[in-house]
Amino acid sequence: MKKISKRLKKIDSMVCSHYQSIWDCCCDHGLLGLTLLKRKAADTIHFVDIIPSLTTHLESLLQKHFNAKDYEQRWQVHCIDVAKLPLTSHDKNLVIIAGVGGELMIEFIEKIVDDFQKKTPQDSTKTLEFILCPVHHNYQVRQTLISHNFTLLEECIVAENKRFYEIIHVKKQFSSPSHVHEAINKISATGDIMWHLSSQSHQQYLAKTISHFQRMLRAAKPNDKITINKIIEQYSALTTVTKM
């Protein structure tokens, strides 16, 4: 098996609980799912990709190396659109989506949440967890999570191959009790607990993020300038927070 990347290693380390189902979405070569499968992090690891050649190759690999009795019923391969995950509300589910753009990730999140909501009784206390690592549009992804009343479990920044990635572990509780929305659980549109601004790499990432929105501002239409200016102000305000 190929060596797992620093980013995927971090995602793996954030899977601390045991789940009935973990969904490794846009799994590509399945390196994350294979790592989770080896340590039996769930009753079933689901490998999901929409490209038939990838899922066919992955299924052959799994049948060759993970078909022993110890792994019976512990994995499934799905050649489907991530937006159509066959989640069941009686399972404890973790959906991992990494390596896709923020706009597509938002589509996936909204469709998955909507479908799961329809399957869940109104008086249910069921939860649905996501670990998300967008390629870009982190601010917009976070806004979507806020609008759907997700709560924050963990978040971090990973630097890999001269790029920075935000990894966000969140939970949505359906018919959630009021205490879930206490400040300690709130998601920030610019991130909160992930920043360690005593770190030079975090300083670089923050500067790079602000520069990105400043470029957007210069090219923006007049109606969009107010919104982008507010985003720049939010990120700039992080530099005044006590360094951790």
C-alpha atoms as a PDB file:
ATOM      1  CA  MET A   1       0.000   0.000   0.000  1.00  0.00           C
ATOM      2  CA  LYS A   2       1.244   3.504  -0.804  1.00  0.00           C
ATOM      3  CA  LYS A   3       2.460   5.704   2.016  1.00  0.00           C
ATOM      4  CA  ILE A   4      -0.365   7.759   3.515  1.00  0.00           C
ATOM      5  CA  SER A   5       0.043  11.546   3.335  1.00  0.00           C
ATOM      6  CA  LYS A   6       0.435  13.893   6.299  1.00  0.00           C
ATOM      7  CA  ARG A   7      -3.065  15.266   5.676  1.00  0.00           C
ATOM      8  CA  LEU A   8      -4.682  11.818   5.636  1.00  0.00           C
ATOM      9  CA  LYS A   9      -2.686  10.787   8.709  1.00  0.00           C
ATOM     10  CA  LYS A  10      -4.180  13.727  10.575  1.00  0.00           C
ATOM     11  CA  ILE A  11      -7.700  12.827   9.465  1.00  0.00           C
ATOM     12  CA  ASP A  12      -7.071   9.249  10.612  1.00  0.00           C
ATOM     13  CA  SER A  13      -5.929  10.513  14.032  1.00  0.00           C
ATOM     14  CA  MET A  14      -9.162  12.503  14.398  1.00  0.00           C
ATOM     15  CA  VAL A  15     -11.236   9.302  14.174  1.00  0.00           C
ATOM     16  CA  CYS A  16     -11.190   8.471  17.882  1.00  0.00           C
ATOM     17  CA  SER A  17     -14.638   6.948  18.431  1.00  0.00           C
ATOM     18  CA  HIS A  18     -15.958   3.673  17.040  1.00  0.00           C
ATOM     19  CA  TYR A  19     -18.670   3.967  14.385  1.00  0.00           C
ATOM     20  CA  GLN A  20     -21.094   1.582  12.741  1.00  0.00           C
ATOM     21  CA  SER A  21     -20.239   3.131   9.364  1.00  0.00           C
ATOM     22  CA  ILE A  22     -17.416   5.351   8.142  1.00  0.00           C
ATOM     23  CA  TRP A  23     -17.803   6.698   4.610  1.00  0.00           C
ATOM     24  CA  ASP A  24     -14.513   7.528   2.861  1.00  0.00           C
ATOM     25  CA  CYS A  25     -15.847   9.749   0.083  1.00  0.00           C
ATOM     26  CA  CYS A  26     -13.990  10.653  -3.112  1.00  0.00           C
ATOM     27  CA  CYS A  27     -11.644   7.956  -1.855  1.00  0.00           C
ATOM     28  CA  ASP A  28      -9.384   7.940  -4.930  1.00  0.00           C
ATOM     29  CA  HIS A  29      -6.988   5.049  -4.163  1.00  0.00           C
ATOM     30  CA  GLY A  30      -8.648   4.409  -0.792  1.00  0.00           C
ATOM     31  CA  LEU A  31      -5.548   5.055   1.319  1.00  0.00           C
ATOM     32  CA  LEU A  32      -7.475   6.644   4.188  1.00  0.00           C
ATOM     33  CA  GLY A  33     -10.185   3.990   4.172  1.00  0.00           C
ATOM     34  CA  LEU A  34      -7.591   1.213   4.074  1.00  0.00           C
ATOM     35  CA  THR A  35      -5.842   2.721   7.093  1.00  0.00           C
ATOM     36  CA  LEU A  36      -9.143   2.909   8.991  1.00  0.00           C
ATOM     37  CA  LEU A  37     -10.004  -0.626   7.909  1.00  0.00           C
ATOM     38  CA  LYS A  38      -6.707  -2.019   9.190  1.00  0.00           C
ATOM     39  CA  ARG A  39      -7.378  -0.704  12.670  1.00  0.00           C
ATOM     40  CA  LYS A  40     -11.078  -1.619  12.503  1.00  0.00           C
ATOM     41  CA  ALA A  41     -12.273   1.903  13.266  1.00  0.00           C
ATOM     42  CA  ALA A  42     -15.853   0.979  12.301  1.00  0.00           C
ATOM     43  CA  ASP A  43     -18.090  -2.010  11.842  1.00  0.00           C
ATOM     44  CA  THR A  44     -18.026  -1.183   8.129  1.00  0.00           C
ATOM     45  CA  ILE A  45     -15.722   1.084   6.122  1.00  0.00           C
ATOM     46  CA  HIS A  46     -17.444   2.342   2.961  1.00  0.00           C
ATOM     47  CA  PHE A  47     -15.243   3.360   0.015  1.00  0.00           C
ATOM     48  CA  VAL A  48     -17.097   5.836  -2.199  1.00  0.00           C
ATOM     49  CA  ASP A  49     -16.104   7.233  -5.582  1.00  0.00           C
ATOM     50  CA  ILE A  50     -18.010   8.010  -8.757  1.00  0.00           C
ATOM     51  CA  ILE A  51     -15.242   6.828 -11.116  1.00  0.00           C
ATOM     52  CA  PRO A  52     -15.824   3.142 -12.054  1.00  0.00           C
ATOM     53  CA  SER A  53     -12.169   2.362 -12.852  1.00  0.00           C
ATOM     54  CA  LEU A  54     -11.110   3.480  -9.374  1.00  0.00           C
ATOM     55  CA  THR A  55     -13.791   1.547  -7.506  1.00  0.00           C
ATOM     56  CA  THR A  56     -13.194  -1.598  -9.601  1.00  0.00           C
ATOM     57  CA  HIS A  57      -9.463  -1.499  -8.861  1.00  0.00           C
ATOM     58  CA  LEU A  58     -10.086  -0.816  -5.183  1.00  0.00           C
ATOM     59  CA  GLU A  59     -12.569  -3.670  -4.867  1.00  0.00           C
ATOM     60  CA  SER A  60     -10.014  -6.068  -6.391  1.00  0.00           C
ATOM     61  CA  LEU A  61      -7.416  -4.851  -3.906  1.00  0.00           C
ATOM     62  CA  LEU A  62      -9.774  -5.309  -0.972  1.00  0.00           C
ATOM     63  CA  GLN A  63     -10.808  -8.796  -2.092  1.00  0.00           C
ATOM     64  CA  LYS A  64      -7.152  -9.768  -2.341  1.00  0.00           C
ATOM     65  CA  HIS A  65      -5.945  -8.394   0.985  1.00  0.00           C
ATOM     66  CA  PHE A  66      -9.018  -7.917   3.191  1.00  0.00           C
ATOM     67  CA  ASN A  67     -11.220 -10.924   2.514  1.00  0.00           C
ATOM     68  CA  ALA A  68     -10.170 -13.005   5.504  1.00  0.00           C
ATOM     69  CA  LYS A  69     -12.610 -13.881   8.262  1.00  0.00           C
ATOM     70  CA  ASP A  70     -11.427 -10.989  10.429  1.00  0.00           C
ATOM     71  CA  TYR A  71     -12.599  -8.531   7.779  1.00  0.00           C
ATOM     72  CA  GLU A  72     -15.893 -10.137   6.739  1.00  0.00           C
ATOM     73  CA  GLN A  73     -18.583  -7.462   6.351  1.00  0.00           C
ATOM     74  CA  ARG A  74     -16.079  -4.779   7.379  1.00  0.00           C
ATOM     75  CA  TRP A  75     -15.885  -3.067   3.983  1.00  0.00           C
ATOM     76  CA  GLN A  76     -18.049  -2.123   1.028  1.00  0.00           C
ATOM     77  CA  VAL A  77     -17.238  -0.295  -2.212  1.00  0.00           C
ATOM     78  CA  HIS A  78     -19.792   2.078  -3.754  1.00  0.00           C
ATOM     79  CA  CYS A  79     -19.524   3.573  -7.232  1.00  0.00           C
ATOM     80  CA  ILE A  80     -22.022   6.383  -6.602  1.00  0.00           C
ATOM     81  CA  ASP A  81     -22.399  10.143  -6.313  1.00  0.00           C
ATOM     82  CA  VAL A  82     -21.421  11.259  -2.790  1.00  0.00           C
ATOM     83  CA  ALA A  83     -24.657  13.265  -2.660  1.00  0.00           C
ATOM     84  CA  LYS A  84     -26.550   9.940  -2.730  1.00  0.00           C
ATOM     85  CA  LEU A  85     -24.926   8.097   0.183  1.00  0.00           C
ATOM     86  CA  PRO A  86     -27.249   5.317   1.412  1.00  0.00           C
ATOM     87  CA  LEU A  87     -26.999   6.318   5.081  1.00  0.00           C
ATOM     88  CA  THR A  88     -29.259   4.650   7.615  1.00  0.00           C
ATOM     89  CA  SER A  89     -30.444   6.640  10.614  1.00  0.00           C
ATOM     90  CA  HIS A  90     -29.991   3.761  13.075  1.00  0.00           C
ATOM     91  CA  ASP A  91     -26.217   3.692  12.472  1.00  0.00           C
ATOM     92  CA  LYS A  92     -23.594   5.926  14.031  1.00  0.00           C
ATOM     93  CA  ASN A  93     -22.199   7.444  10.825  1.00  0.00           C
ATOM     94  CA  LEU A  94     -19.037   9.392  10.082  1.00  0.00           C
ATOM     95  CA  VAL A  95     -18.783  10.911   6.600  1.00  0.00           C
ATOM     96  CA  ILE A  96     -15.273  11.914   5.505  1.00  0.00           C
ATOM     97  CA  ILE A  97     -14.978  14.191   2.482  1.00  0.00           C
ATOM     98  CA  ALA A  98     -11.516  15.351   1.440  1.00  0.00           C
ATOM     99  CA  GLY A  99      -9.779  16.411  -1.724  1.00  0.00           C
ATOM    100  CA  VAL A 100     -12.684  18.235  -3.388  1.00  0.00           C
ATOM    101  CA  GLY A 101     -13.440  21.924  -3.855  1.00  0.00           C
ATOM    102  CA  GLY A 102     -15.550  23.820  -1.376  1.00  0.00           C
ATOM    103  CA  GLU A 103     -18.476  24.471  -3.714  1.00  0.00           C
ATOM    104  CA  LEU A 104     -18.893  20.765  -4.497  1.00  0.00           C
ATOM    105  CA  MET A 105     -18.419  19.903  -0.827  1.00  0.00           C
ATOM    106  CA  ILE A 106     -21.233  22.275   0.116  1.00  0.00           C
ATOM    107  CA  GLU A 107     -23.531  20.517  -2.374  1.00  0.00           C
ATOM    108  CA  PHE A 108     -22.652  17.158  -0.820  1.00  0.00           C
ATOM    109  CA  ILE A 109     -23.213  18.366   2.747  1.00  0.00           C
ATOM    110  CA  GLU A 110     -26.587  19.938   2.023  1.00  0.00           C
ATOM    111  CA  LYS A 111     -27.909  16.914   0.109  1.00  0.00           C
ATOM    112  CA  ILE A 112     -26.651  14.396   2.694  1.00  0.00           C
ATOM    113  CA  VAL A 113     -28.123  16.390   5.589  1.00  0.00           C
ATOM    114  CA  ASP A 114     -31.450  16.814   3.791  1.00  0.00           C
ATOM    115  CA  ASP A 115     -31.731  13.090   3.000  1.00  0.00           C
ATOM    116  CA  PHE A 116     -30.708  12.066   6.525  1.00  0.00           C
ATOM    117  CA  GLN A 117     -33.222  14.488   8.012  1.00  0.00           C
ATOM    118  CA  LYS A 118     -36.012  12.854   5.998  1.00  0.00           C
ATOM    119  CA  LYS A 119     -35.050   9.433   7.379  1.00  0.00           C
ATOM    120  CA  THR A 120     -34.878  10.639  10.990  1.00  0.00           C
ATOM    121  CA  PRO A 121     -37.976  10.899  13.252  1.00  0.00           C
ATOM    122  CA  GLN A 122     -38.705  14.423  14.536  1.00  0.00           C
ATOM    123  CA  ASP A 123     -38.159  13.406  18.158  1.00  0.00           C
ATOM    124  CA  SER A 124     -34.886  11.657  17.354  1.00  0.00           C
ATOM    125  CA  THR A 125     -31.593  12.476  19.081  1.00  0.00           C
ATOM    126  CA  LYS A 126     -29.576  10.943  16.249  1.00  0.00           C
ATOM    127  CA  THR A 127     -26.371  12.631  15.161  1.00  0.00           C
ATOM    128  CA  LEU A 128     -24.386  12.746  11.959  1.00  0.00           C
ATOM    129  CA  GLU A 129     -20.670  13.488  11.935  1.00  0.00           C
ATOM    130  CA  PHE A 130     -18.437  14.827   9.178  1.00  0.00           C
ATOM    131  CA  ILE A 131     -14.700  15.245   8.829  1.00  0.00           C
ATOM    132  CA  LEU A 132     -14.148  17.748   6.032  1.00  0.00           C
ATOM    133  CA  CYS A 133     -10.994  18.886   4.270  1.00  0.00           C
ATOM    134  CA  PRO A 134     -11.842  21.255   1.395  1.00  0.00           C
ATOM    135  CA  VAL A 135      -9.269  22.097  -1.251  1.00  0.00           C
ATOM    136  CA  HIS A 136     -10.470  25.720  -1.130  1.00  0.00           C
ATOM    137  CA  HIS A 137     -13.485  27.884  -0.165  1.00  0.00           C
ATOM    138  CA  ASN A 138     -13.052  27.057   3.522  1.00  0.00           C
ATOM    139  CA  TYR A 139     -14.928  30.194   4.601  1.00  0.00           C
ATOM    140  CA  GLN A 140     -17.974  29.262   2.516  1.00  0.00           C
ATOM    141  CA  VAL A 141     -17.922  25.656   3.768  1.00  0.00           C
ATOM    142  CA  ARG A 142     -17.873  26.910   7.343  1.00  0.00           C
ATOM    143  CA  GLN A 143     -20.771  29.269   6.655  1.00  0.00           C
ATOM    144  CA  THR A 144     -22.770  26.309   5.385  1.00  0.00           C
ATOM    145  CA  LEU A 145     -22.018  24.324   8.543  1.00  0.00           C
ATOM    146  CA  ILE A 146     -23.092  27.286  10.677  1.00  0.00           C
ATOM    147  CA  SER A 147     -26.347  27.681   8.730  1.00  0.00           C
ATOM    148  CA  HIS A 148     -27.165  24.004   9.341  1.00  0.00           C
ATOM    149  CA  ASN A 149     -26.451  24.265  13.085  1.00  0.00           C
ATOM    150  CA  PHE A 150     -23.455  21.956  13.134  1.00  0.00           C
ATOM    151  CA  THR A 151     -21.298  21.961  16.240  1.00  0.00           C
ATOM    152  CA  LEU A 152     -17.525  21.851  16.294  1.00  0.00           C
ATOM    153  CA  LEU A 153     -15.668  18.814  17.620  1.00  0.00           C
ATOM    154  CA  GLU A 154     -12.136  19.517  16.398  1.00  0.00           C
ATOM    155  CA  GLU A 155     -10.314  21.536  13.751  1.00  0.00           C
ATOM    156  CA  CYS A 156      -6.723  21.974  12.670  1.00  0.00           C
ATOM    157  CA  ILE A 157      -4.428  23.300   9.949  1.00  0.00           C
ATOM    158  CA  VAL A 158      -2.086  20.947   8.089  1.00  0.00           C
ATOM    159  CA  ALA A 159       0.745  22.098   5.831  1.00  0.00           C
ATOM    160  CA  GLU A 160       1.609  19.656   3.053  1.00  0.00           C
ATOM    161  CA  ASN A 161       3.500  20.085  -0.228  1.00  0.00           C
ATOM    162  CA  LYS A 162       3.598  23.881   0.160  1.00  0.00           C
ATOM    163  CA  ARG A 163      -0.170  24.028   0.625  1.00  0.00           C
ATOM    164  CA  PHE A 164      -2.337  24.539   3.685  1.00  0.00           C
ATOM    165  CA  TYR A 165      -5.427  22.507   4.487  1.00  0.00           C
ATOM    166  CA  GLU A 166      -8.135  23.041   7.099  1.00  0.00           C
ATOM    167  CA  ILE A 167      -9.564  19.855   8.573  1.00  0.00           C
ATOM    168  CA  ILE A 168     -12.878  20.263  10.375  1.00  0.00           C
ATOM    169  CA  HIS A 169     -14.609  17.577  12.473  1.00  0.00           C
ATOM    170  CA  VAL A 170     -18.231  18.534  13.103  1.00  0.00           C
ATOM    171  CA  LYS A 171     -21.481  17.003  14.306  1.00  0.00           C
ATOM    172  CA  LYS A 172     -25.109  17.724  13.562  1.00  0.00           C
ATOM    173  CA  GLN A 173     -27.637  16.651  16.131  1.00  0.00           C
ATOM    174  CA  PHE A 174     -31.196  16.330  14.887  1.00  0.00           C
ATOM    175  CA  SER A 175     -33.799  17.728  17.308  1.00  0.00           C
ATOM    176  CA  SER A 176     -30.810  18.854  19.328  1.00  0.00           C
ATOM    177  CA  PRO A 177     -31.048  20.023  22.929  1.00  0.00           C
ATOM    178  CA  SER A 178     -30.291  23.688  23.619  1.00  0.00           C
ATOM    179  CA  HIS A 179     -26.943  23.077  25.348  1.00  0.00           C
ATOM    180  CA  VAL A 180     -25.411  21.926  22.055  1.00  0.00           C
ATOM    181  CA  HIS A 181     -25.315  25.539  20.921  1.00  0.00           C
ATOM    182  CA  GLU A 182     -23.168  26.823  23.782  1.00  0.00           C
ATOM    183  CA  ALA A 183     -20.276  29.025  22.679  1.00  0.00           C
ATOM    184  CA  ILE A 184     -17.685  26.302  23.202  1.00  0.00           C
ATOM    185  CA  ASN A 185     -19.292  24.253  20.414  1.00  0.00           C
ATOM    186  CA  LYS A 186     -19.811  27.034  17.913  1.00  0.00           C
ATOM    187  CA  ILE A 187     -18.143  26.992  14.510  1.00  0.00           C
ATOM    188  CA  SER A 188     -16.376  30.165  13.453  1.00  0.00           C
ATOM    189  CA  ALA A 189     -16.409  31.184   9.798  1.00  0.00           C
ATOM    190  CA  THR A 190     -12.677  31.945  10.045  1.00  0.00           C
ATOM    191  CA  GLY A 191     -11.756  29.101  12.354  1.00  0.00           C
ATOM    192  CA  ASP A 192     -11.113  29.411  16.058  1.00  0.00           C
ATOM    193  CA  ILE A 193      -9.265  26.694  17.933  1.00  0.00           C
ATOM    194  CA  MET A 194      -7.186  25.720  14.880  1.00  0.00           C
ATOM    195  CA  TRP A 195      -5.050  28.863  14.938  1.00  0.00           C
ATOM    196  CA  HIS A 196      -1.699  28.875  16.749  1.00  0.00           C
ATOM    197  CA  LEU A 197      -0.294  32.202  15.663  1.00  0.00           C
ATOM    198  CA  SER A 198       3.002  31.693  17.462  1.00  0.00           C
ATOM    199  CA  SER A 199       3.675  29.257  14.602  1.00  0.00           C
ATOM    200  CA  GLN A 200       5.318  30.797  11.552  1.00  0.00           C
ATOM    201  CA  SER A 201       3.438  28.466   9.209  1.00  0.00           C
ATOM    202  CA  HIS A 202       0.098  29.570  10.692  1.00  0.00           C
ATOM    203  CA  GLN A 203       1.141  33.212  10.278  1.00  0.00           C
ATOM    204  CA  GLN A 204       1.977  32.467   6.640  1.00  0.00           C
ATOM    205  CA  TYR A 205      -1.369  30.754   6.072  1.00  0.00           C
ATOM    206  CA  LEU A 206      -3.290  33.642   7.619  1.00  0.00           C
ATOM    207  CA  ALA A 207      -1.391  36.180   5.501  1.00  0.00           C
ATOM    208  CA  LYS A 208      -1.995  34.090   2.389  1.00  0.00           C
ATOM    209  CA  THR A 209      -5.725  33.861   3.175  1.00  0.00           C
ATOM    210  CA  ILE A 210      -6.055  37.613   3.702  1.00  0.00           C
ATOM    211  CA  SER A 211      -4.140  38.288   0.465  1.00  0.00           C
ATOM    212  CA  HIS A 212      -6.526  35.969  -1.394  1.00  0.00           C
ATOM    213  CA  PHE A 213      -9.571  37.956  -0.300  1.00  0.00           C
ATOM    214  CA  GLN A 214      -7.805  41.257  -0.998  1.00  0.00           C
ATOM    215  CA  ARG A 215      -7.298  40.103  -4.595  1.00  0.00           C
ATOM    216  CA  MET A 216     -10.959  39.125  -4.752  1.00  0.00           C
ATOM    217  CA  LEU A 217     -11.895  42.562  -3.454  1.00  0.00           C
ATOM    218  CA  ARG A 218      -9.993  44.336  -6.230  1.00  0.00           C
ATOM    219  CA  ALA A 219     -11.822  42.316  -8.888  1.00  0.00           C
ATOM    220  CA  ALA A 220     -15.231  42.291  -7.183  1.00  0.00           C
ATOM    221  CA  LYS A 221     -18.399  43.969  -8.330  1.00  0.00           C
ATOM    222  CA  PRO A 222     -19.552  46.889  -6.136  1.00  0.00           C
ATOM    223  CA  ASN A 223     -22.340  44.811  -4.547  1.00  0.00           C
ATOM    224  CA  ASP A 224     -19.845  42.164  -3.403  1.00  0.00           C
ATOM    225  CA  LYS A 225     -17.218  44.516  -1.961  1.00  0.00           C
ATOM    226  CA  ILE A 226     -19.004  44.999   1.387  1.00  0.00           C
ATOM    227  CA  THR A 227     -19.175  41.233   1.997  1.00  0.00           C
ATOM    228  CA  ILE A 228     -15.547  40.654   1.047  1.00  0.00           C
ATOM    229  CA  ASN A 229     -14.396  43.573   3.196  1.00  0.00           C
ATOM    230  CA  LYS A 230     -16.165  42.024   6.185  1.00  0.00           C
ATOM    231  CA  ILE A 231     -14.408  38.710   5.545  1.00  0.00           C
ATOM    232  CA  ILE A 232     -11.030  40.474   5.405  1.00  0.00           C
ATOM    233  CA  GLU A 233     -11.840  42.245   8.682  1.00  0.00           C
ATOM    234  CA  GLN A 234     -12.719  38.923  10.342  1.00  0.00           C
ATOM    235  CA  TYR A 235      -9.443  37.288   9.306  1.00  0.00           C
ATOM    236  CA  SER A 236      -7.417  40.411  10.150  1.00  0.00           C
ATOM    237  CA  ALA A 237      -8.961  40.438  13.625  1.00  0.00           C
ATOM    238  CA  LEU A 238      -7.346  37.054  14.313  1.00  0.00           C
ATOM    239  CA  THR A 239      -3.944  38.749  14.452  1.00  0.00           C
ATOM    240  CA  THR A 240      -5.060  40.684  17.533  1.00  0.00           C
ATOM    241  CA  VAL A 241      -6.097  37.521  19.411  1.00  0.00           C
ATOM    242  CA  THR A 242      -3.659  36.354  22.061  1.00  0.00           C
ATOM    243  CA  LYS A 243      -1.177  34.026  20.416  1.00  0.00           C
ATOM    244  CA  MET A 244      -1.329  30.449  21.586  1.00  0.00           C
END
